[in-house]
Amino acid sequence: MKKLSVPPRLRLLLAASAVACAALVPAAATASAQAPLVWHSGWFVKSMCYQDARQFSSSALTRNGFRTEYTPPNAVVGGNGSTIVVVSYAPAQTSYSPSSFSKVYFTVTATSNVSSSAELARNRVRQSIVGQTYFDGC
């Protein structure tokens, strides 16, 4: 079995997140039910303890008004009724220790019927994760 490099893994994760978001966004009232779903996505790398990635993701969603809807392995899905945000994460290398600092890839994808809502949600959640810091070690 061939190992996928990081960019194809991220593309697969992004595609899966988009499909999951499309299934989770509820249809709103009559006018917005006809609007197509729009998604915005972006990824970044953060040096942190991998074991804290889920907590960083959940708290970023909560701080920005999203309720956690689903927590599959390596991801957190949150929603606020009109926008769904998926935060997925994976260690950047295959040999890492969950309790020591290493690079972690994050992908933040937001889906909504309103493009500006999806973009704003993605940007705010991403910035919340990037801005979280450690005062002590892992």
Protein backbone atom coordinates (compact mmCIF):
# COMPACT_ATOMS: atom_id res chain seq x y z
CA MET A 1 0.00 0.00 0.00
CA LYS A 2 1.41 3.35 -1.02
CA LYS A 3 1.66 6.06 1.66
CA LEU A 4 0.04 9.34 0.68
CA SER A 5 2.10 12.48 1.05
CA VAL A 6 0.73 15.33 3.14
CA PRO A 7 -0.87 17.40 0.32
CA PRO A 8 -3.04 14.50 -0.99
CA ARG A 9 -4.04 13.67 2.60
CA LEU A 10 -5.13 17.26 3.13
CA ARG A 11 -7.08 17.24 -0.14
CA LEU A 12 -8.88 14.04 0.87
CA LEU A 13 -9.63 15.46 4.32
CA LEU A 14 -10.91 18.68 2.78
CA ALA A 15 -13.17 16.82 0.36
CA ALA A 16 -14.57 14.65 3.15
CA SER A 17 -15.18 17.73 5.30
CA ALA A 18 -17.07 19.45 2.48
CA VAL A 19 -19.31 16.43 1.96
CA ALA A 20 -19.97 16.13 5.71
CA CYS A 21 -20.82 19.83 5.94
CA ALA A 22 -23.21 19.63 3.00
CA ALA A 23 -25.14 16.89 4.79
CA LEU A 24 -25.27 18.73 8.13
CA VAL A 25 -26.43 22.25 7.17
CA PRO A 26 -30.19 22.40 7.79
CA ALA A 27 -32.49 23.98 5.25
CA ALA A 28 -33.73 27.32 6.54
CA ALA A 29 -36.92 29.19 5.65
CA THR A 30 -38.31 29.25 2.14
CA ALA A 31 -36.03 31.90 0.63
CA SER A 32 -32.71 30.56 1.91
CA ALA A 33 -33.61 26.90 1.29
CA GLN A 34 -33.08 27.59 -2.43
CA ALA A 35 -29.62 29.11 -1.94
CA PRO A 36 -26.69 26.84 -2.80
CA LEU A 37 -24.24 25.83 -0.09
CA VAL A 38 -20.94 27.68 -0.13
CA TRP A 39 -17.82 26.57 1.71
CA HIS A 40 -14.58 28.28 2.67
CA SER A 41 -11.57 26.33 3.82
CA GLY A 42 -7.99 26.90 4.85
CA TRP A 43 -5.19 25.06 6.57
CA PHE A 44 -2.25 25.97 8.75
CA VAL A 45 0.45 24.33 10.85
CA LYS A 46 0.77 24.94 14.59
CA SER A 47 3.57 23.74 16.86
CA MET A 48 1.81 22.27 19.89
CA CYS A 49 1.08 19.10 21.85
CA TYR A 50 -0.98 16.84 19.60
CA GLN A 51 -2.97 15.58 22.60
CA ASP A 52 -4.41 19.11 23.01
CA ALA A 53 -5.60 19.54 19.41
CA ARG A 54 -9.19 18.46 20.14
CA GLN A 55 -9.45 20.80 23.14
CA PHE A 56 -8.02 23.74 21.12
CA SER A 57 -10.53 23.03 18.33
CA SER A 58 -13.55 22.66 20.63
CA SER A 59 -12.77 25.81 22.59
CA ALA A 60 -12.28 27.82 19.38
CA LEU A 61 -15.71 26.71 18.16
CA THR A 62 -17.37 27.48 21.51
CA ARG A 63 -15.75 30.92 21.79
CA ASN A 64 -17.15 31.80 18.37
CA GLY A 65 -20.73 30.75 19.07
CA PHE A 66 -20.76 27.23 17.62
CA ARG A 67 -22.18 24.25 19.50
CA THR A 68 -20.26 20.98 19.10
CA GLU A 69 -22.41 18.68 16.96
CA TYR A 70 -20.11 15.75 16.27
CA THR A 71 -16.60 14.64 17.27
CA PRO A 72 -15.21 12.04 14.87
CA PRO A 73 -11.57 10.97 15.31
CA ASN A 74 -9.19 13.86 14.56
CA ALA A 75 -11.95 16.43 14.04
CA VAL A 76 -14.61 18.53 15.73
CA VAL A 77 -17.81 19.63 13.96
CA GLY A 78 -19.76 22.60 15.26
CA GLY A 79 -22.81 24.51 14.13
CA ASN A 80 -24.96 27.51 14.97
CA GLY A 81 -28.09 26.72 12.94
CA SER A 82 -26.98 28.39 9.71
CA THR A 83 -23.25 27.62 9.47
CA ILE A 84 -21.34 24.39 10.03
CA VAL A 85 -17.61 24.48 10.86
CA VAL A 86 -15.34 21.43 10.69
CA VAL A 87 -11.93 21.62 12.37
CA SER A 88 -9.74 18.64 11.51
CA TYR A 89 -6.20 18.02 12.68
CA ALA A 90 -3.37 15.55 12.14
CA PRO A 91 0.26 15.28 13.24
CA ALA A 92 2.67 16.58 10.61
CA GLN A 93 4.98 13.59 10.85
CA THR A 94 4.53 9.91 11.50
CA SER A 95 6.95 9.72 14.43
CA TYR A 96 5.68 12.04 17.16
CA SER A 97 4.89 11.92 20.83
CA PRO A 98 1.36 13.03 21.79
CA SER A 99 2.69 14.70 24.94
CA SER A 100 5.53 16.75 23.44
CA PHE A 101 5.60 19.70 21.07
CA SER A 102 5.38 18.81 17.39
CA LYS A 103 3.83 20.29 14.26
CA VAL A 104 0.10 19.68 13.85
CA TYR A 105 -1.79 20.36 10.61
CA PHE A 106 -5.21 21.98 11.05
CA THR A 107 -7.88 22.39 8.37
CA VAL A 108 -10.83 24.68 9.09
CA THR A 109 -13.81 24.40 6.73
CA ALA A 110 -17.03 26.38 7.09
CA THR A 111 -20.20 25.75 5.07
CA SER A 112 -23.27 27.96 4.85
CA ASN A 113 -25.94 29.25 2.47
CA VAL A 114 -24.32 32.69 2.83
CA SER A 115 -20.73 32.97 1.59
CA SER A 116 -19.77 35.81 3.93
CA SER A 117 -21.01 33.83 6.96
CA ALA A 118 -18.91 30.83 5.97
CA GLU A 119 -15.85 32.99 5.36
CA LEU A 120 -16.22 34.87 8.65
CA ALA A 121 -16.74 31.65 10.62
CA ARG A 122 -13.67 30.04 9.07
CA ASN A 123 -11.50 33.08 9.73
CA ARG A 124 -12.63 33.53 13.35
CA VAL A 125 -12.23 29.86 14.30
CA ARG A 126 -8.85 29.65 12.58
CA GLN A 127 -7.63 32.82 14.34
CA SER A 128 -8.83 31.48 17.70
CA ILE A 129 -6.77 28.32 17.29
CA VAL A 130 -3.69 30.18 16.02
CA GLY A 131 -3.92 32.61 18.96
CA GLN A 132 -4.02 29.96 21.70
CA THR A 133 -0.72 29.61 23.53
CA TYR A 134 0.86 27.50 26.24
CA PHE A 135 2.16 29.00 29.46
CA ASP A 136 3.85 25.77 30.49
CA GLY A 137 4.91 22.68 28.59
CA CYS A 138 2.58 19.96 27.43
